[in-house]
Amino acid sequence: MTKPPHVPDDRVFSSEPDAAYLSFEEAPHSYIGPTQRARVWSERWAEKSLFCASCGYGQLNRFANNAPVADLYCPQCEETFEVKAKRGAFGRKVVDGAHRTMLERLAAGDNPNLILLNYDLASFGIVDALLVPKHFFVDSLIEARKPLAPTARRAGWIGCNIRLDLVPPSGKIYFVRDRVRQDPRRVQAQWSEMLFLREAKPTARGWLLEVLRIVESLGRPEFTLQDIYAREGELKALYPANQNVRPKIRQQLQVLRDRGVLRFAGSGVYRLIAPHS
């Protein structure tokens, strides 16, 4: 396998067997709780085993403990990553921190990329390692939880959930899927192909992602403009102040076409271009 010039570290293309690559290293005995041990095992695995999907650097570094920014960062391009781990698969929602803080970070563009790790204690290792790039995060993905009860220590505090079910498939990049390590070139290609989203302002990016989500949810490579119009109600619910939803749909499809995500086949027919095709 020929290594592209932007991947500086041979560990990215390691031939280490998957079973060894996916295995945890024991945490120190001072971590006595099972949840705490699993968190330490998974974070250490991410630091040791993952590479930067942005620049290809072969290892991520850990921030100081309890850093408010993120858990890991790339020492070469300075991308930041938050790591969340769970025994078994993540569901439709992922619990996160304070709702207001999350929205403020999205508005400022300084939210980290999200890495989700599913682990299995029976095999003592990783089952899935999923990356959701920061440019796929918009306000509609952030759901407020109920305020804490008046009797709680932080009474009235409002946390949030990340709506993983609203992330388009193109925003879910697997390092590992069903215990199989994915090709690093494909990981970087998936990252690069949607990086243009960072150029868009939050509202414009929200429209692009919602239309893309609808396109990808159709489950077929070819679709018509009428197929998207049929889902117009979903967009009206998200953007009730917009009275020109259909023109907005056409605008987003044109942007996705210009960016190489879609191909216009004529007569109102579009084709979704497979990643890295």
Protein backbone atom coordinates (compact mmCIF):
# COMPACT_ATOMS: atom_id res chain seq x y z
CA MET A 1 0.00 0.00 0.00
CA THR A 2 1.51 3.32 -1.05
CA LYS A 3 1.38 5.97 1.65
CA PRO A 4 0.15 9.41 0.56
CA PRO A 5 2.55 12.27 1.34
CA HIS A 6 0.20 13.93 3.86
CA VAL A 7 0.29 10.92 6.21
CA PRO A 8 3.59 11.21 8.09
CA ASP A 9 3.32 8.30 10.49
CA ASP A 10 3.62 4.62 9.55
CA ARG A 11 1.42 3.61 12.48
CA VAL A 12 -1.60 4.86 10.52
CA PHE A 13 -0.99 1.99 8.08
CA SER A 14 0.09 -0.53 10.70
CA SER A 15 -0.28 -4.21 9.82
CA GLU A 16 -0.95 -5.08 13.47
CA PRO A 17 -3.73 -7.73 13.66
CA ASP A 18 -7.14 -6.26 14.39
CA ALA A 19 -7.52 -8.26 17.62
CA ALA A 20 -4.35 -6.73 19.05
CA TYR A 21 -5.14 -3.28 17.69
CA LEU A 22 -8.61 -3.24 19.29
CA SER A 23 -7.58 -4.50 22.72
CA PHE A 24 -7.53 -2.31 25.83
CA GLU A 25 -4.54 -1.91 28.08
CA GLU A 26 -5.17 -2.39 31.80
CA ALA A 27 -5.84 0.75 33.82
CA PRO A 28 -3.99 1.34 37.11
CA HIS A 29 -5.57 -0.40 40.11
CA SER A 30 -6.42 2.97 41.66
CA TYR A 31 -9.35 3.18 39.24
CA ILE A 32 -11.67 0.90 41.15
CA GLY A 33 -15.13 1.59 39.67
CA PRO A 34 -16.06 -0.36 36.51
CA THR A 35 -17.37 2.76 34.73
CA GLN A 36 -14.27 4.73 35.61
CA ARG A 37 -12.00 1.88 34.54
CA ALA A 38 -13.79 1.58 31.19
CA ARG A 39 -13.51 5.33 30.61
CA VAL A 40 -9.77 5.26 31.28
CA TRP A 41 -9.26 2.15 29.12
CA SER A 42 -11.16 3.66 26.18
CA GLU A 43 -9.50 7.08 26.37
CA ARG A 44 -6.08 5.46 26.51
CA TRP A 45 -6.99 3.30 23.52
CA ALA A 46 -8.07 6.39 21.52
CA GLU A 47 -4.87 8.22 22.41
CA LYS A 48 -2.69 5.25 21.47
CA SER A 49 -4.55 3.87 18.45
CA LEU A 50 -6.35 6.62 16.54
CA PHE A 51 -4.88 9.05 14.04
CA CYS A 52 -5.98 12.52 12.99
CA ALA A 53 -8.58 12.28 10.22
CA SER A 54 -7.81 15.87 9.23
CA CYS A 55 -4.07 15.77 8.55
CA GLY A 56 -3.23 12.07 8.93
CA TYR A 57 -0.87 12.49 11.85
CA GLY A 58 -0.36 9.10 13.48
CA GLN A 59 -1.28 9.75 17.09
CA LEU A 60 -3.48 12.04 19.15
CA ASN A 61 -2.28 13.65 22.38
CA ARG A 62 -4.20 13.95 25.60
CA PHE A 63 -5.10 17.28 27.19
CA ALA A 64 -4.43 17.77 30.88
CA ASN A 65 -7.01 16.06 33.09
CA ASN A 66 -10.39 17.81 33.30
CA ALA A 67 -9.55 20.23 30.49
CA PRO A 68 -12.77 22.07 29.56
CA VAL A 69 -11.92 22.16 25.84
CA ALA A 70 -11.74 18.50 24.82
CA ASP A 71 -10.00 15.20 25.62
CA LEU A 72 -7.50 14.80 22.77
CA TYR A 73 -5.81 16.99 20.19
CA CYS A 74 -3.63 16.59 17.12
CA PRO A 75 -0.15 18.05 17.75
CA GLN A 76 0.28 18.80 14.04
CA CYS A 77 -2.94 20.51 12.90
CA GLU A 78 -4.44 21.25 16.35
CA GLU A 79 -7.83 19.65 15.69
CA THR A 80 -9.50 18.80 19.00
CA PHE A 81 -11.55 15.74 19.90
CA GLU A 82 -14.03 14.87 22.62
CA VAL A 83 -14.20 11.16 23.45
CA LYS A 84 -17.30 9.39 24.73
CA ALA A 85 -17.36 5.69 25.41
CA LYS A 86 -20.18 3.26 26.12
CA ARG A 87 -20.57 -0.43 26.70
CA GLY A 88 -22.72 -1.48 23.77
CA ALA A 89 -24.02 0.67 20.95
CA PHE A 90 -24.96 4.33 21.24
CA GLY A 91 -28.63 5.03 20.63
CA ARG A 92 -30.39 7.96 18.97
CA LYS A 93 -29.00 10.43 21.51
CA VAL A 94 -25.68 11.04 23.21
CA VAL A 95 -25.66 12.82 26.57
CA ASP A 96 -23.43 15.89 26.66
CA GLY A 97 -22.78 18.91 28.89
CA ALA A 98 -24.51 22.22 29.49
CA HIS A 99 -27.02 23.19 26.81
CA ARG A 100 -26.16 26.91 26.75
CA THR A 101 -22.42 26.25 26.66
CA MET A 102 -22.82 23.85 23.76
CA LEU A 103 -24.82 26.36 21.71
CA GLU A 104 -22.29 29.09 22.48
CA ARG A 105 -19.45 26.88 21.30
CA LEU A 106 -21.27 26.06 18.09
CA ALA A 107 -21.84 29.76 17.41
CA ALA A 108 -18.16 30.47 18.02
CA GLY A 109 -17.03 27.46 15.97
CA ASP A 110 -14.78 26.13 18.73
CA ASN A 111 -16.61 22.87 19.48
CA PRO A 112 -14.44 19.74 19.25
CA ASN A 113 -14.89 16.82 16.90
CA LEU A 114 -16.71 13.94 18.56
CA ILE A 115 -15.33 10.40 18.85
CA LEU A 116 -17.76 7.70 20.01
CA LEU A 117 -16.34 4.40 21.19
CA ASN A 118 -18.41 1.25 21.69
CA TYR A 119 -16.57 -1.32 23.77
CA ASP A 120 -17.11 -4.89 24.88
CA LEU A 121 -15.74 -6.10 28.20
CA ALA A 122 -15.97 -9.76 27.21
CA SER A 123 -13.39 -9.21 24.46
CA PHE A 124 -11.76 -6.40 26.47
CA GLY A 125 -11.67 -4.03 23.53
CA ILE A 126 -13.30 -1.76 20.96
CA VAL A 127 -16.22 -2.77 18.74
CA ASP A 128 -16.82 0.55 16.93
CA ALA A 129 -14.91 3.83 16.79
CA LEU A 130 -16.98 6.55 15.15
CA LEU A 131 -15.98 10.13 14.37
CA VAL A 132 -18.54 12.93 13.91
CA PRO A 133 -16.63 15.97 12.55
CA LYS A 134 -17.36 19.30 14.18
CA HIS A 135 -18.64 20.79 10.91
CA PHE A 136 -21.67 18.49 11.11
CA PHE A 137 -22.79 20.09 14.36
CA VAL A 138 -25.64 22.62 14.12
CA ASP A 139 -28.20 23.85 16.64
CA SER A 140 -30.86 21.36 15.51
CA LEU A 141 -28.62 18.50 16.70
CA ILE A 142 -28.54 19.87 20.24
CA GLU A 143 -31.55 18.94 22.36
CA ALA A 144 -32.13 20.52 25.77
CA ARG A 145 -32.76 18.14 28.65
CA LYS A 146 -35.14 18.88 31.50
CA PRO A 147 -33.75 21.28 34.16
CA LEU A 148 -32.44 19.63 37.30
CA ALA A 149 -34.92 19.48 40.16
CA PRO A 150 -34.95 22.24 42.81
CA THR A 151 -33.58 19.71 45.30
CA ALA A 152 -30.54 18.93 43.13
CA ARG A 153 -27.12 20.37 43.96
CA ARG A 154 -27.17 22.26 40.63
CA ALA A 155 -30.87 23.08 40.70
CA GLY A 156 -32.17 24.40 37.38
CA TRP A 157 -29.07 23.36 35.40
CA ILE A 158 -29.96 22.33 31.85
CA GLY A 159 -27.90 19.72 30.07
CA CYS A 160 -28.18 18.61 26.47
CA ASN A 161 -28.31 15.58 24.21
CA ILE A 162 -26.62 15.28 20.84
CA ARG A 163 -29.16 13.92 18.35
CA LEU A 164 -27.01 11.31 16.67
CA ASP A 165 -29.99 10.17 14.62
CA LEU A 166 -30.06 13.55 12.85
CA VAL A 167 -26.45 13.34 11.67
CA PRO A 168 -26.33 12.39 7.95
CA PRO A 169 -24.47 9.15 7.14
CA SER A 170 -21.72 11.23 5.51
CA GLY A 171 -21.09 12.77 8.94
CA LYS A 172 -20.40 9.41 10.54
CA ILE A 173 -16.83 8.35 9.78
CA TYR A 174 -15.71 4.99 11.14
CA PHE A 175 -12.17 4.24 12.23
CA VAL A 176 -13.44 0.83 13.34
CA ARG A 177 -16.76 -0.79 12.41
CA ASP A 178 -17.96 -4.10 13.83
CA ARG A 179 -14.41 -4.85 15.03
CA VAL A 180 -12.95 -4.23 11.56
CA ARG A 181 -10.41 -1.45 11.12
CA GLN A 182 -11.27 0.84 8.21
CA ASP A 183 -8.84 1.98 5.51
CA PRO A 184 -7.15 5.22 6.72
CA ARG A 185 -7.34 6.65 3.20
CA ARG A 186 -11.10 6.27 3.18
CA VAL A 187 -11.33 7.91 6.60
CA GLN A 188 -9.40 10.94 5.36
CA ALA A 189 -11.33 11.03 2.09
CA GLN A 190 -14.66 11.12 3.94
CA TRP A 191 -13.36 13.91 6.16
CA SER A 192 -12.05 15.98 3.25
CA GLU A 193 -15.11 15.64 1.03
CA MET A 194 -17.38 17.47 3.46
CA LEU A 195 -14.86 19.94 4.87
CA PHE A 196 -16.42 22.74 2.80
CA LEU A 197 -19.18 22.85 5.43
CA ARG A 198 -16.84 24.79 7.69
CA GLU A 199 -16.94 27.69 5.26
CA ALA A 200 -20.69 28.14 5.70
CA LYS A 201 -22.25 30.24 8.43
CA PRO A 202 -24.26 28.26 11.02
CA THR A 203 -27.72 28.85 9.50
CA ALA A 204 -26.54 28.12 5.95
CA ARG A 205 -24.74 25.01 7.16
CA GLY A 206 -27.92 23.89 8.93
CA TRP A 207 -29.90 24.07 5.68
CA LEU A 208 -27.22 22.16 3.78
CA LEU A 209 -27.06 19.42 6.39
CA GLU A 210 -30.82 19.05 6.65
CA VAL A 211 -31.21 18.71 2.89
CA LEU A 212 -28.26 16.30 2.77
CA ARG A 213 -29.80 14.24 5.60
CA ILE A 214 -33.05 13.95 3.64
CA VAL A 215 -31.19 13.00 0.45
CA GLU A 216 -29.18 10.29 2.20
CA SER A 217 -32.22 9.00 4.11
CA LEU A 218 -33.91 8.12 0.81
CA GLY A 219 -31.59 5.12 0.68
CA ARG A 220 -30.91 5.16 -3.05
CA PRO A 221 -28.26 6.84 -5.20
CA GLU A 222 -30.70 8.45 -7.64
CA PHE A 223 -33.61 10.68 -6.68
CA THR A 224 -35.79 13.47 -8.04
CA LEU A 225 -36.49 16.99 -6.92
CA GLN A 226 -40.04 15.87 -6.14
CA ASP A 227 -38.65 13.31 -3.67
CA ILE A 228 -37.13 16.15 -1.66
CA TYR A 229 -40.22 18.34 -2.02
CA ALA A 230 -42.19 15.47 -0.44
CA ARG A 231 -40.18 16.04 2.76
CA GLU A 232 -40.82 19.78 2.73
CA GLY A 233 -42.76 19.57 6.00
CA GLU A 234 -39.65 18.54 7.95
CA LEU A 235 -37.82 21.66 6.80
CA LYS A 236 -40.80 23.91 7.51
CA ALA A 237 -40.90 22.58 11.05
CA LEU A 238 -37.22 23.41 11.54
CA TYR A 239 -37.38 26.81 9.84
CA PRO A 240 -40.93 28.11 10.44
CA ALA A 241 -39.99 31.71 9.57
CA ASN A 242 -38.91 30.74 6.06
CA GLN A 243 -41.76 31.07 3.55
CA ASN A 244 -39.69 29.96 0.54
CA VAL A 245 -38.74 26.42 1.43
CA ARG A 246 -38.79 24.99 -2.10
CA PRO A 247 -36.44 27.65 -3.54
CA LYS A 248 -34.20 27.03 -0.51
CA ILE A 249 -34.19 23.30 -1.26
CA ARG A 250 -33.14 23.95 -4.86
CA GLN A 251 -30.40 26.28 -3.64
CA GLN A 252 -28.97 23.64 -1.29
CA LEU A 253 -29.05 20.98 -3.99
CA GLN A 254 -27.11 23.32 -6.25
CA VAL A 255 -24.48 23.91 -3.56
CA LEU A 256 -24.15 20.15 -2.98
CA ARG A 257 -23.84 19.68 -6.75
CA ASP A 258 -21.17 22.38 -7.04
CA ARG A 259 -19.24 20.77 -4.19
CA GLY A 260 -19.24 17.37 -5.87
CA VAL A 261 -21.61 15.68 -3.44
CA LEU A 262 -24.38 15.38 -6.05
CA ARG A 263 -24.49 15.09 -9.82
CA PHE A 264 -27.37 16.62 -11.80
CA ALA A 265 -28.62 14.11 -14.37
CA GLY A 266 -31.21 16.41 -15.96
CA SER A 267 -35.02 16.64 -15.86
CA GLY A 268 -35.07 17.11 -12.09
CA VAL A 269 -33.04 13.95 -11.44
CA TYR A 270 -29.97 13.92 -9.15
CA ARG A 271 -27.44 11.27 -8.29
CA LEU A 272 -25.65 11.01 -4.95
CA ILE A 273 -21.94 10.54 -5.55
CA ALA A 274 -20.45 7.84 -3.35
CA PRO A 275 -17.66 9.04 -1.05
CA HIS A 276 -14.26 8.97 -2.72
CA SER A 277 -15.74 7.68 -6.00
